[in-house]
């Protein structure tokens, strides 16, 4: 079902793009030129204008339908749940992060010389 709606949605998008590109350009932004549109109060009702509205409404309906289908499929699941991996523990005490002995110096060899190479 989802694939059918997705294919219809794709064809509606392509059709909407084609119909909008076929319409007459009125020059100027926001319908400010060409004699019709914003100056007369009612835009000219051409066949392409009506087809644009029909395709736009159908596009919005398929968008909402795809959103509902996706929400139903993903109800209460997580990506981690789908992988089957258990997440690591979130609460680790700070004492586990401090090495025993309380100092943060590098370990030393048996003769108390540090294992860090010298800058010689």
PDB file of N, CA and C in Angstrom:
ATOM      1  N   UNK A   1       0.828  -1.199   0.000  1.00  0.00           N
ATOM      2  CA  UNK A   1       0.000   0.000   0.000  1.00  0.00           C
ATOM      3  C   UNK A   1       0.872   1.263   0.000  1.00  0.00           C
ATOM      4  N   UNK A   2       1.917   1.209   0.825  1.00  0.00           N
ATOM      5  CA  UNK A   2       2.783   2.380   0.917  1.00  0.00           C
ATOM      6  C   UNK A   2       3.486   2.651  -0.410  1.00  0.00           C
ATOM      7  N   UNK A   3       3.897   1.597  -1.094  1.00  0.00           N
ATOM      8  CA  UNK A   3       4.584   1.780  -2.379  1.00  0.00           C
ATOM      9  C   UNK A   3       3.658   2.382  -3.432  1.00  0.00           C
ATOM     10  N   UNK A   4       2.400   1.973  -3.423  1.00  0.00           N
ATOM     11  CA  UNK A   4       1.434   2.523  -4.386  1.00  0.00           C
ATOM     12  C   UNK A   4       1.240   4.013  -4.144  1.00  0.00           C
ATOM     13  N   UNK A   5       1.051   4.391  -2.877  1.00  0.00           N
ATOM     14  CA  UNK A   5       0.854   5.809  -2.550  1.00  0.00           C
ATOM     15  C   UNK A   5       2.120   6.595  -2.878  1.00  0.00           C
ATOM     16  N   UNK A   6       3.280   5.996  -2.645  1.00  0.00           N
ATOM     17  CA  UNK A   6       4.536   6.679  -2.943  1.00  0.00           C
ATOM     18  C   UNK A   6       4.714   6.910  -4.440  1.00  0.00           C
ATOM     19  N   UNK A   7       4.340   5.942  -5.253  1.00  0.00           N
ATOM     20  CA  UNK A   7       4.448   6.108  -6.709  1.00  0.00           C
ATOM     21  C   UNK A   7       3.454   7.159  -7.207  1.00  0.00           C
ATOM     22  N   UNK A   8       2.224   7.135  -6.673  1.00  0.00           N
ATOM     23  CA  UNK A   8       1.233   8.166  -7.043  1.00  0.00           C
ATOM     24  C   UNK A   8       1.748   9.543  -6.630  1.00  0.00           C
ATOM     25  N   UNK A   9       2.365   9.620  -5.453  1.00  0.00           N
ATOM     26  CA  UNK A   9       2.925  10.885  -4.957  1.00  0.00           C
ATOM     27  C   UNK A   9       4.024  11.391  -5.892  1.00  0.00           C
ATOM     28  N   UNK A  10       4.865  10.487  -6.373  1.00  0.00           N
ATOM     29  CA  UNK A  10       5.925  10.868  -7.304  1.00  0.00           C
ATOM     30  C   UNK A  10       5.356  11.405  -8.611  1.00  0.00           C
ATOM     31  N   UNK A  11       4.351  10.712  -9.163  1.00  0.00           N
ATOM     32  CA  UNK A  11       3.740  11.187 -10.407  1.00  0.00           C
ATOM     33  C   UNK A  11       3.032  12.531 -10.210  1.00  0.00           C
ATOM     34  N   UNK A  12       2.402  12.722  -9.056  1.00  0.00           N
ATOM     35  CA  UNK A  12       1.763  14.013  -8.781  1.00  0.00           C
ATOM     36  C   UNK A  12       2.804  15.131  -8.698  1.00  0.00           C
ATOM     37  N   UNK A  13       3.938  14.844  -8.087  1.00  0.00           N
ATOM     38  CA  UNK A  13       4.998  15.861  -7.983  1.00  0.00           C
ATOM     39  C   UNK A  13       5.526  16.233  -9.359  1.00  0.00           C
ATOM     40  N   UNK A  14       5.774  15.226 -10.185  1.00  0.00           N
ATOM     41  CA  UNK A  14       6.264  15.513 -11.532  1.00  0.00           C
ATOM     42  C   UNK A  14       5.209  16.254 -12.366  1.00  0.00           C
ATOM     43  N   UNK A  15       3.952  15.851 -12.236  1.00  0.00           N
ATOM     44  CA  UNK A  15       2.877  16.539 -12.956  1.00  0.00           C
ATOM     45  C   UNK A  15       2.713  17.977 -12.502  1.00  0.00           C
ATOM     46  N   UNK A  16       2.823  18.193 -11.199  1.00  0.00           N
ATOM     47  CA  UNK A  16       2.707  19.558 -10.667  1.00  0.00           C
ATOM     48  C   UNK A  16       3.837  20.442 -11.167  1.00  0.00           C
ATOM     49  N   UNK A  17       5.026  19.898 -11.218  1.00  0.00           N
ATOM     50  CA  UNK A  17       6.163  20.662 -11.748  1.00  0.00           C
ATOM     51  C   UNK A  17       5.917  21.015 -13.212  1.00  0.00           C
ATOM     52  N   UNK A  18       5.456  20.049 -13.992  1.00  0.00           N
ATOM     53  CA  UNK A  18       5.226  20.292 -15.424  1.00  0.00           C
ATOM     54  C   UNK A  18       4.138  21.335 -15.647  1.00  0.00           C
ATOM     55  N   UNK A  19       3.038  21.249 -14.903  1.00  0.00           N
ATOM     56  CA  UNK A  19       1.931  22.193 -15.089  1.00  0.00           C
ATOM     57  C   UNK A  19       2.341  23.605 -14.690  1.00  0.00           C
ATOM     58  N   UNK A  20       3.102  23.726 -13.609  1.00  0.00           N
ATOM     59  CA  UNK A  20       3.544  25.057 -13.178  1.00  0.00           C
ATOM     60  C   UNK A  20       4.494  25.658 -14.207  1.00  0.00           C
ATOM     61  N   UNK A  21       5.359  24.834 -14.779  1.00  0.00           N
ATOM     62  CA  UNK A  21       6.297  25.359 -15.777  1.00  0.00           C
ATOM     63  C   UNK A  21       5.609  25.731 -17.089  1.00  0.00           C
ATOM     64  N   UNK A  22       4.468  25.114 -17.391  1.00  0.00           N
ATOM     65  CA  UNK A  22       3.754  25.432 -18.628  1.00  0.00           C
ATOM     66  C   UNK A  22       2.931  26.715 -18.527  1.00  0.00           C
ATOM     67  N   UNK A  23       2.677  27.179 -17.313  1.00  0.00           N
ATOM     68  CA  UNK A  23       1.847  28.377 -17.165  1.00  0.00           C
ATOM     69  C   UNK A  23       2.580  29.613 -17.661  1.00  0.00           C
ATOM     70  N   UNK A  24       1.783  30.593 -18.041  1.00  0.00           N
ATOM     71  CA  UNK A  24       2.321  31.842 -18.567  1.00  0.00           C
ATOM     72  C   UNK A  24       2.963  32.647 -17.446  1.00  0.00           C
ATOM     73  N   UNK A  25       4.154  33.115 -17.699  1.00  0.00           N
ATOM     74  CA  UNK A  25       4.830  33.965 -16.733  1.00  0.00           C
ATOM     75  C   UNK A  25       4.266  35.373 -16.839  1.00  0.00           C
ATOM     76  N   UNK A  26       3.942  35.950 -15.704  1.00  0.00           N
ATOM     77  CA  UNK A  26       3.358  37.295 -15.719  1.00  0.00           C
ATOM     78  C   UNK A  26       4.392  38.366 -15.453  1.00  0.00           C
ATOM     79  N   UNK A  27       5.620  38.003 -15.260  1.00  0.00           N
ATOM     80  CA  UNK A  27       6.659  38.992 -14.998  1.00  0.00           C
ATOM     81  C   UNK A  27       6.454  39.647 -13.651  1.00  0.00           C
ATOM     82  N   UNK A  28       7.501  40.057 -13.020  1.00  0.00           N
ATOM     83  CA  UNK A  28       7.378  40.677 -11.707  1.00  0.00           C
ATOM     84  C   UNK A  28       7.060  39.628 -10.657  1.00  0.00           C
ATOM     85  N   UNK A  29       7.459  39.887  -9.462  1.00  0.00           N
ATOM     86  CA  UNK A  29       7.239  38.923  -8.387  1.00  0.00           C
ATOM     87  C   UNK A  29       5.864  39.039  -7.782  1.00  0.00           C
ATOM     88  N   UNK A  30       5.371  37.977  -7.247  1.00  0.00           N
ATOM     89  CA  UNK A  30       4.118  37.918  -6.493  1.00  0.00           C
ATOM     90  C   UNK A  30       2.915  38.371  -7.298  1.00  0.00           C
ATOM     91  N   UNK A  31       2.890  38.093  -8.565  1.00  0.00           N
ATOM     92  CA  UNK A  31       1.719  38.424  -9.379  1.00  0.00           C
ATOM     93  C   UNK A  31       1.500  39.910  -9.575  1.00  0.00           C
ATOM     94  N   UNK A  32       2.549  40.708  -9.582  1.00  0.00           N
ATOM     95  CA  UNK A  32       2.414  42.159  -9.665  1.00  0.00           C
ATOM     96  C   UNK A  32       2.323  42.676 -11.093  1.00  0.00           C
ATOM     97  N   UNK A  33       2.448  41.834 -12.078  1.00  0.00           N
ATOM     98  CA  UNK A  33       2.401  42.343 -13.443  1.00  0.00           C
ATOM     99  C   UNK A  33       1.471  41.522 -14.298  1.00  0.00           C
ATOM    100  N   UNK A  34       1.252  41.922 -15.517  1.00  0.00           N
ATOM    101  CA  UNK A  34       0.472  41.140 -16.435  1.00  0.00           C
ATOM    102  C   UNK A  34      -0.998  41.486 -16.498  1.00  0.00           C
ATOM    103  N   UNK A  35      -1.497  42.367 -15.694  1.00  0.00           N
ATOM    104  CA  UNK A  35      -2.887  42.785 -15.785  1.00  0.00           C
ATOM    105  C   UNK A  35      -3.846  41.961 -14.952  1.00  0.00           C
ATOM    106  N   UNK A  36      -3.584  40.704 -14.703  1.00  0.00           N
ATOM    107  CA  UNK A  36      -4.485  39.890 -13.890  1.00  0.00           C
ATOM    108  C   UNK A  36      -3.922  39.730 -12.501  1.00  0.00           C
ATOM    109  N   UNK A  37      -4.409  38.766 -11.794  1.00  0.00           N
ATOM    110  CA  UNK A  37      -3.823  38.435 -10.503  1.00  0.00           C
ATOM    111  C   UNK A  37      -4.213  39.403  -9.409  1.00  0.00           C
ATOM    112  N   UNK A  38      -3.242  40.036  -8.813  1.00  0.00           N
ATOM    113  CA  UNK A  38      -3.457  40.838  -7.617  1.00  0.00           C
ATOM    114  C   UNK A  38      -4.162  42.164  -7.913  1.00  0.00           C
ATOM    115  N   UNK A  39      -4.145  42.660  -9.147  1.00  0.00           N
ATOM    116  CA  UNK A  39      -4.714  43.975  -9.419  1.00  0.00           C
ATOM    117  C   UNK A  39      -6.229  43.936  -9.602  1.00  0.00           C
ATOM    118  N   UNK A  40      -6.787  42.823 -10.037  1.00  0.00           N
ATOM    119  CA  UNK A  40      -8.221  42.779 -10.296  1.00  0.00           C
ATOM    120  C   UNK A  40      -9.025  42.187  -9.153  1.00  0.00           C
ATOM    121  N   UNK A  41      -8.359  41.595  -8.174  1.00  0.00           N
ATOM    122  CA  UNK A  41      -9.081  41.013  -7.068  1.00  0.00           C
ATOM    123  C   UNK A  41      -9.410  39.548  -7.296  1.00  0.00           C
ATOM    124  N   UNK A  42      -9.547  39.119  -8.540  1.00  0.00           N
ATOM    125  CA  UNK A  42      -9.801  37.718  -8.842  1.00  0.00           C
ATOM    126  C   UNK A  42      -8.877  37.309  -9.992  1.00  0.00           C
ATOM    127  N   UNK A  43      -8.066  36.246  -9.738  1.00  0.00           N
ATOM    128  CA  UNK A  43      -7.146  35.826 -10.801  1.00  0.00           C
ATOM    129  C   UNK A  43      -7.894  35.179 -11.955  1.00  0.00           C
ATOM    130  N   UNK A  44      -7.277  35.215 -13.105  1.00  0.00           N
ATOM    131  CA  UNK A  44      -7.891  34.606 -14.277  1.00  0.00           C
ATOM    132  C   UNK A  44      -7.955  33.102 -14.078  1.00  0.00           C
ATOM    133  N   UNK A  45      -9.124  32.499 -14.311  1.00  0.00           N
ATOM    134  CA  UNK A  45      -9.309  31.070 -14.102  1.00  0.00           C
ATOM    135  C   UNK A  45      -9.030  30.290 -15.361  1.00  0.00           C
ATOM    136  N   UNK A  46      -7.790  29.976 -15.591  1.00  0.00           N
ATOM    137  CA  UNK A  46      -7.424  29.208 -16.782  1.00  0.00           C
ATOM    138  C   UNK A  46      -7.494  27.722 -16.455  1.00  0.00           C
ATOM    139  N   UNK A  47      -7.455  26.914 -17.499  1.00  0.00           N
ATOM    140  CA  UNK A  47      -7.496  25.471 -17.308  1.00  0.00           C
ATOM    141  C   UNK A  47      -6.248  24.986 -16.571  1.00  0.00           C
ATOM    142  N   UNK A  48      -5.089  25.568 -16.886  1.00  0.00           N
ATOM    143  CA  UNK A  48      -3.863  25.165 -16.202  1.00  0.00           C
ATOM    144  C   UNK A  48      -3.886  25.550 -14.727  1.00  0.00           C
ATOM    145  N   UNK A  49      -4.540  26.665 -14.427  1.00  0.00           N
ATOM    146  CA  UNK A  49      -4.671  27.070 -13.032  1.00  0.00           C
ATOM    147  C   UNK A  49      -5.516  26.087 -12.238  1.00  0.00           C
ATOM    148  N   UNK A  50      -6.592  25.598 -12.851  1.00  0.00           N
ATOM    149  CA  UNK A  50      -7.447  24.621 -12.179  1.00  0.00           C
ATOM    150  C   UNK A  50      -6.742  23.281 -12.023  1.00  0.00           C
ATOM    151  N   UNK A  51      -5.999  22.878 -13.048  1.00  0.00           N
ATOM    152  CA  UNK A  51      -5.245  21.625 -12.961  1.00  0.00           C
ATOM    153  C   UNK A  51      -4.177  21.730 -11.874  1.00  0.00           C
ATOM    154  N   UNK A  52      -3.564  22.905 -11.746  1.00  0.00           N
ATOM    155  CA  UNK A  52      -2.559  23.118 -10.709  1.00  0.00           C
ATOM    156  C   UNK A  52      -3.172  22.932  -9.330  1.00  0.00           C
ATOM    157  N   UNK A  53      -4.349  23.499  -9.120  1.00  0.00           N
ATOM    158  CA  UNK A  53      -5.021  23.356  -7.821  1.00  0.00           C
ATOM    159  C   UNK A  53      -5.367  21.903  -7.533  1.00  0.00           C
ATOM    160  N   UNK A  54      -5.849  21.188  -8.524  1.00  0.00           N
ATOM    161  CA  UNK A  54      -6.221  19.781  -8.323  1.00  0.00           C
ATOM    162  C   UNK A  54      -4.987  18.950  -7.988  1.00  0.00           C
ATOM    163  N   UNK A  55      -3.912  19.158  -8.735  1.00  0.00           N
ATOM    164  CA  UNK A  55      -2.684  18.409  -8.466  1.00  0.00           C
ATOM    165  C   UNK A  55      -2.086  18.775  -7.100  1.00  0.00           C
ATOM    166  N   UNK A  56      -2.184  20.043  -6.730  1.00  0.00           N
ATOM    167  CA  UNK A  56      -1.640  20.466  -5.437  1.00  0.00           C
ATOM    168  C   UNK A  56      -2.419  19.838  -4.286  1.00  0.00           C
ATOM    169  N   UNK A  57      -3.743  19.808  -4.393  1.00  0.00           N
ATOM    170  CA  UNK A  57      -4.559  19.204  -3.336  1.00  0.00           C
ATOM    171  C   UNK A  57      -4.279  17.700  -3.252  1.00  0.00           C
ATOM    172  N   UNK A  58      -4.177  17.035  -4.396  1.00  0.00           N
ATOM    173  CA  UNK A  58      -3.881  15.604  -4.401  1.00  0.00           C
ATOM    174  C   UNK A  58      -2.487  15.336  -3.828  1.00  0.00           C
ATOM    175  N   UNK A  59      -1.524  16.207  -4.118  1.00  0.00           N
ATOM    176  CA  UNK A  59      -0.171  16.067  -3.586  1.00  0.00           C
ATOM    177  C   UNK A  59      -0.170  16.177  -2.062  1.00  0.00           C
ATOM    178  N   UNK A  60      -0.922  17.123  -1.537  1.00  0.00           N
ATOM    179  CA  UNK A  60      -0.997  17.299  -0.083  1.00  0.00           C
ATOM    180  C   UNK A  60      -1.672  16.094   0.566  1.00  0.00           C
ATOM    181  N   UNK A  61      -2.713  15.566  -0.072  1.00  0.00           N
ATOM    182  CA  UNK A  61      -3.411  14.400   0.481  1.00  0.00           C
ATOM    183  C   UNK A  61      -2.478  13.187   0.520  1.00  0.00           C
ATOM    184  N   UNK A  62      -1.723  12.970  -0.554  1.00  0.00           N
ATOM    185  CA  UNK A  62      -0.794  11.837  -0.543  1.00  0.00           C
ATOM    186  C   UNK A  62       0.342  12.047   0.458  1.00  0.00           C
ATOM    187  N   UNK A  63       0.754  13.294   0.671  1.00  0.00           N
ATOM    188  CA  UNK A  63       1.780  13.581   1.677  1.00  0.00           C
ATOM    189  C   UNK A  63       1.285  13.220   3.066  1.00  0.00           C
ATOM    190  N   UNK A  64       0.055  13.614   3.377  1.00  0.00           N
ATOM    191  CA  UNK A  64      -0.519  13.298   4.690  1.00  0.00           C
ATOM    192  C   UNK A  64      -0.708  11.789   4.836  1.00  0.00           C
ATOM    193  N   UNK A  65      -1.144  11.125   3.763  1.00  0.00           N
ATOM    194  CA  UNK A  65      -1.328   9.676   3.799  1.00  0.00           C
ATOM    195  C   UNK A  65      -0.005   8.960   4.059  1.00  0.00           C
ATOM    196  N   UNK A  66       1.062   9.383   3.394  1.00  0.00           N
ATOM    197  CA  UNK A  66       2.372   8.775   3.622  1.00  0.00           C
ATOM    198  C   UNK A  66       2.861   9.009   5.045  1.00  0.00           C
ATOM    199  N   UNK A  67       2.558  10.165   5.599  1.00  0.00           N
ATOM    200  CA  UNK A  67       2.947  10.450   6.977  1.00  0.00           C
ATOM    201  C   UNK A  67       2.211   9.537   7.947  1.00  0.00           C
ATOM    202  N   UNK A  68       0.924   9.337   7.715  1.00  0.00           N
ATOM    203  CA  UNK A  68       0.137   8.460   8.589  1.00  0.00           C
ATOM    204  C   UNK A  68       0.626   7.022   8.493  1.00  0.00           C
ATOM    205  N   UNK A  69       0.904   6.546   7.284  1.00  0.00           N
ATOM    206  CA  UNK A  69       1.391   5.174   7.103  1.00  0.00           C
ATOM    207  C   UNK A  69       2.742   4.991   7.798  1.00  0.00           C
ATOM    208  N   UNK A  70       3.627   5.957   7.657  1.00  0.00           N
ATOM    209  CA  UNK A  70       4.947   5.861   8.294  1.00  0.00           C
ATOM    210  C   UNK A  70       4.824   5.895   9.814  1.00  0.00           C
ATOM    211  N   UNK A  71       3.900   6.683  10.343  1.00  0.00           N
ATOM    212  CA  UNK A  71       3.724   6.763  11.794  1.00  0.00           C
ATOM    213  C   UNK A  71       3.162   5.455  12.345  1.00  0.00           C
ATOM    214  N   UNK A  72       2.288   4.803  11.597  1.00  0.00           N
ATOM    215  CA  UNK A  72       1.725   3.534  12.057  1.00  0.00           C
ATOM    216  C   UNK A  72       2.768   2.420  12.042  1.00  0.00           C
ATOM    217  N   UNK A  73       3.661   2.454  11.063  1.00  0.00           N
ATOM    218  CA  UNK A  73       4.690   1.421  10.980  1.00  0.00           C
ATOM    219  C   UNK A  73       5.744   1.590  12.062  1.00  0.00           C
ATOM    220  N   UNK A  74       5.992   2.805  12.513  1.00  0.00           N
ATOM    221  CA  UNK A  74       7.060   3.077  13.465  1.00  0.00           C
ATOM    222  C   UNK A  74       6.526   3.322  14.872  1.00  0.00           C
ATOM    223  N   UNK A  75       5.319   2.901  15.176  1.00  0.00           N
ATOM    224  CA  UNK A  75       4.728   3.183  16.483  1.00  0.00           C
ATOM    225  C   UNK A  75       5.492   2.465  17.588  1.00  0.00           C
ATOM    226  N   UNK A  76       6.160   3.235  18.429  1.00  0.00           N
ATOM    227  CA  UNK A  76       6.815   2.702  19.609  1.00  0.00           C
ATOM    228  C   UNK A  76       8.101   1.939  19.355  1.00  0.00           C
ATOM    229  N   UNK A  77       8.667   2.017  18.191  1.00  0.00           N
ATOM    230  CA  UNK A  77       9.908   1.302  17.935  1.00  0.00           C
ATOM    231  C   UNK A  77      11.046   2.292  17.782  1.00  0.00           C
ATOM    232  N   UNK A  78      12.218   1.784  18.014  1.00  0.00           N
ATOM    233  CA  UNK A  78      13.418   2.590  17.883  1.00  0.00           C
ATOM    234  C   UNK A  78      14.354   1.900  16.904  1.00  0.00           C
ATOM    235  N   UNK A  79      15.300   2.630  16.381  1.00  0.00           N
ATOM    236  CA  UNK A  79      16.278   2.041  15.477  1.00  0.00           C
ATOM    237  C   UNK A  79      17.106   0.996  16.229  1.00  0.00           C
ATOM    238  N   UNK A  80      17.423   1.262  17.480  1.00  0.00           N
ATOM    239  CA  UNK A  80      18.207   0.327  18.284  1.00  0.00           C
ATOM    240  C   UNK A  80      17.399  -0.947  18.534  1.00  0.00           C
ATOM    241  N   UNK A  81      16.079  -0.815  18.724  1.00  0.00           N
ATOM    242  CA  UNK A  81      15.238  -1.997  18.898  1.00  0.00           C
ATOM    243  C   UNK A  81      15.259  -2.859  17.642  1.00  0.00           C
ATOM    244  N   UNK A  82      15.286  -2.253  16.489  1.00  0.00           N
ATOM    245  CA  UNK A  82      15.285  -2.999  15.238  1.00  0.00           C
ATOM    246  C   UNK A  82      16.622  -3.708  15.008  1.00  0.00           C
ATOM    247  N   UNK A  83      17.708  -3.167  15.530  1.00  0.00           N
ATOM    248  CA  UNK A  83      19.017  -3.789  15.366  1.00  0.00           C
ATOM    249  C   UNK A  83      19.204  -4.971  16.315  1.00  0.00           C
ATOM    250  N   UNK A  84      18.493  -4.978  17.430  1.00  0.00           N
ATOM    251  CA  UNK A  84      18.625  -6.049  18.397  1.00  0.00           C
ATOM    252  C   UNK A  84      19.829  -5.902  19.301  1.00  0.00           C
ATOM    253  N   UNK A  85      20.380  -4.707  19.400  1.00  0.00           N
ATOM    254  CA  UNK A  85      21.553  -4.452  20.234  1.00  0.00           C
ATOM    255  C   UNK A  85      21.067  -3.798  21.519  1.00  0.00           C
ATOM    256  N   UNK A  86      21.573  -4.287  22.641  1.00  0.00           N
ATOM    257  CA  UNK A  86      21.206  -3.651  23.904  1.00  0.00           C
ATOM    258  C   UNK A  86      22.106  -2.450  24.129  1.00  0.00           C
ATOM    259  N   UNK A  87      21.535  -1.322  24.503  1.00  0.00           N
ATOM    260  CA  UNK A  87      22.358  -0.128  24.722  1.00  0.00           C
ATOM    261  C   UNK A  87      23.200  -0.281  25.981  1.00  0.00           C
ATOM    262  N   UNK A  88      24.355   0.373  26.044  1.00  0.00           N
ATOM    263  CA  UNK A  88      25.195   0.289  27.245  1.00  0.00           C
ATOM    264  C   UNK A  88      24.523   0.990  28.414  1.00  0.00           C
ATOM    265  N   UNK A  89      24.961   0.632  29.601  1.00  0.00           N
ATOM    266  CA  UNK A  89      24.398   1.236  30.809  1.00  0.00           C
ATOM    267  C   UNK A  89      24.694   2.730  30.816  1.00  0.00           C
ATOM    268  N   UNK A  90      23.709   3.495  31.197  1.00  0.00           N
ATOM    269  CA  UNK A  90      23.851   4.945  31.176  1.00  0.00           C
ATOM    270  C   UNK A  90      24.428   5.493  32.479  1.00  0.00           C
ATOM    271  N   UNK A  91      24.159   4.839  33.592  1.00  0.00           N
ATOM    272  CA  UNK A  91      24.596   5.352  34.890  1.00  0.00           C
ATOM    273  C   UNK A  91      25.834   4.603  35.349  1.00  0.00           C
ATOM    274  N   UNK A  92      27.002   5.190  35.113  1.00  0.00           N
ATOM    275  CA  UNK A  92      28.241   4.612  35.617  1.00  0.00           C
ATOM    276  C   UNK A  92      28.740   5.494  36.741  1.00  0.00           C
ATOM    277  N   UNK A  93      29.068   4.893  37.862  1.00  0.00           N
ATOM    278  CA  UNK A  93      29.559   5.720  38.975  1.00  0.00           C
ATOM    279  C   UNK A  93      30.895   6.366  38.631  1.00  0.00           C
ATOM    280  N   UNK A  94      31.133   7.516  39.190  1.00  0.00           N
ATOM    281  CA  UNK A  94      32.371   8.249  38.926  1.00  0.00           C
ATOM    282  C   UNK A  94      33.571   7.534  39.518  1.00  0.00           C
ATOM    283  N   UNK A  95      33.356   6.677  40.541  1.00  0.00           N
ATOM    284  CA  UNK A  95      34.471   5.965  41.161  1.00  0.00           C
ATOM    285  C   UNK A  95      35.092   4.964  40.195  1.00  0.00           C
ATOM    286  N   UNK A  96      34.328   4.438  39.243  1.00  0.00           N
ATOM    287  CA  UNK A  96      34.867   3.478  38.290  1.00  0.00           C
ATOM    288  C   UNK A  96      35.830   4.128  37.301  1.00  0.00           C
ATOM    289  N   UNK A  97      35.726   5.428  37.136  1.00  0.00           N
ATOM    290  CA  UNK A  97      36.562   6.125  36.172  1.00  0.00           C
ATOM    291  C   UNK A  97      37.924   6.501  36.739  1.00  0.00           C
ATOM    292  N   UNK A  98      38.073   6.495  38.084  1.00  0.00           N
ATOM    293  CA  UNK A  98      39.338   6.872  38.724  1.00  0.00           C
ATOM    294  C   UNK A  98      40.143   5.602  38.955  1.00  0.00           C
ATOM    295  N   UNK A  99      41.411   5.588  38.543  1.00  0.00           N
ATOM    296  CA  UNK A  99      42.226   4.382  38.759  1.00  0.00           C
ATOM    297  C   UNK A  99      42.466   4.146  40.251  1.00  0.00           C
ATOM    298  N   UNK A 100      42.723   2.891  40.609  1.00  0.00           N
ATOM    299  CA  UNK A 100      42.983   2.625  42.030  1.00  0.00           C
ATOM    300  C   UNK A 100      44.246   3.352  42.486  1.00  0.00           C
ATOM    301  N   UNK A 101      44.224   3.776  43.707  1.00  0.00           N
ATOM    302  CA  UNK A 101      45.358   4.503  44.259  1.00  0.00           C
ATOM    303  C   UNK A 101      45.113   5.995  44.272  1.00  0.00           C
ATOM    304  N   UNK A 102      44.189   6.480  43.490  1.00  0.00           N
ATOM    305  CA  UNK A 102      43.804   7.878  43.543  1.00  0.00           C
ATOM    306  C   UNK A 102      44.680   8.811  42.739  1.00  0.00           C
ATOM    307  N   UNK A 103      45.871   8.382  42.281  1.00  0.00           N
ATOM    308  CA  UNK A 103      46.701   9.309  41.518  1.00  0.00           C
ATOM    309  C   UNK A 103      46.499   9.077  40.027  1.00  0.00           C
ATOM    310  N   UNK A 104      46.708  10.100  39.245  1.00  0.00           N
ATOM    311  CA  UNK A 104      46.500  10.031  37.814  1.00  0.00           C
ATOM    312  C   UNK A 104      47.813  10.072  37.044  1.00  0.00           C
ATOM    313  N   UNK A 105      48.910   9.678  37.726  1.00  0.00           N
ATOM    314  CA  UNK A 105      50.210   9.658  37.084  1.00  0.00           C
ATOM    315  C   UNK A 105      50.355   8.385  36.267  1.00  0.00           C
ATOM    316  N   UNK A 106      51.226   8.401  35.234  1.00  0.00           N
ATOM    317  CA  UNK A 106      51.417   7.182  34.446  1.00  0.00           C
ATOM    318  C   UNK A 106      52.079   6.099  35.286  1.00  0.00           C
ATOM    319  N   UNK A 107      51.842   4.839  34.919  1.00  0.00           N
ATOM    320  CA  UNK A 107      52.456   3.755  35.705  1.00  0.00           C
ATOM    321  C   UNK A 107      53.977   3.777  35.560  1.00  0.00           C
ATOM    322  N   UNK A 108      54.638   3.251  36.564  1.00  0.00           N
ATOM    323  CA  UNK A 108      56.104   3.235  36.565  1.00  0.00           C
ATOM    324  C   UNK A 108      56.584   1.804  36.491  1.00  0.00           C
ATOM    325  N   UNK A 109      57.839   1.648  36.063  1.00  0.00           N
ATOM    326  CA  UNK A 109      58.426   0.312  36.014  1.00  0.00           C
ATOM    327  C   UNK A 109      58.908  -0.064  37.412  1.00  0.00           C
ATOM    328  N   UNK A 110      59.535  -1.223  37.518  1.00  0.00           N
ATOM    329  CA  UNK A 110      59.971  -1.701  38.830  1.00  0.00           C
ATOM    330  C   UNK A 110      60.996  -0.798  39.488  1.00  0.00           C
ATOM    331  N   UNK A 111      61.788  -0.045  38.718  1.00  0.00           N
ATOM    332  CA  UNK A 111      62.824   0.790  39.328  1.00  0.00           C
ATOM    333  C   UNK A 111      62.351   2.230  39.492  1.00  0.00           C
ATOM    334  N   UNK A 112      61.088   2.450  39.561  1.00  0.00           N
ATOM    335  CA  UNK A 112      60.442   3.757  39.776  1.00  0.00           C
ATOM    336  C   UNK A 112      60.741   4.771  38.675  1.00  0.00           C
ATOM    337  N   UNK A 113      61.161   4.333  37.504  1.00  0.00           N
ATOM    338  CA  UNK A 113      61.354   5.229  36.388  1.00  0.00           C
ATOM    339  C   UNK A 113      60.051   5.234  35.589  1.00  0.00           C
ATOM    340  N   UNK A 114      59.589   6.391  35.166  1.00  0.00           N
ATOM    341  CA  UNK A 114      58.316   6.427  34.435  1.00  0.00           C
ATOM    342  C   UNK A 114      58.444   5.736  33.084  1.00  0.00           C
ATOM    343  N   UNK A 115      57.341   5.154  32.607  1.00  0.00           N
ATOM    344  CA  UNK A 115      57.321   4.469  31.338  1.00  0.00           C
ATOM    345  C   UNK A 115      57.144   5.429  30.166  1.00  0.00           C
ATOM    346  N   UNK A 116      57.052   6.696  30.459  1.00  0.00           N
ATOM    347  CA  UNK A 116      56.896   7.705  29.427  1.00  0.00           C
ATOM    348  C   UNK A 116      58.266   8.001  28.845  1.00  0.00           C
ATOM    349  N   UNK A 117      58.419   8.014  27.513  1.00  0.00           N
ATOM    350  CA  UNK A 117      59.744   8.306  26.935  1.00  0.00           C
ATOM    351  C   UNK A 117      60.195   9.712  27.280  1.00  0.00           C
ATOM    352  N   UNK A 118      61.479   9.847  27.443  1.00  0.00           N
ATOM    353  CA  UNK A 118      62.039  11.159  27.799  1.00  0.00           C
ATOM    354  C   UNK A 118      62.189  11.999  26.534  1.00  0.00           C
ATOM    355  N   UNK A 119      62.369  13.291  26.737  1.00  0.00           N
ATOM    356  CA  UNK A 119      62.468  14.233  25.620  1.00  0.00           C
ATOM    357  C   UNK A 119      63.915  14.409  25.166  1.00  0.00           C
ATOM    358  N   UNK A 120      64.803  13.450  25.425  1.00  0.00           N
ATOM    359  CA  UNK A 120      66.221  13.583  25.050  1.00  0.00           C
ATOM    360  C   UNK A 120      66.417  13.456  23.575  1.00  0.00           C
TER     361      UNK A 120
END
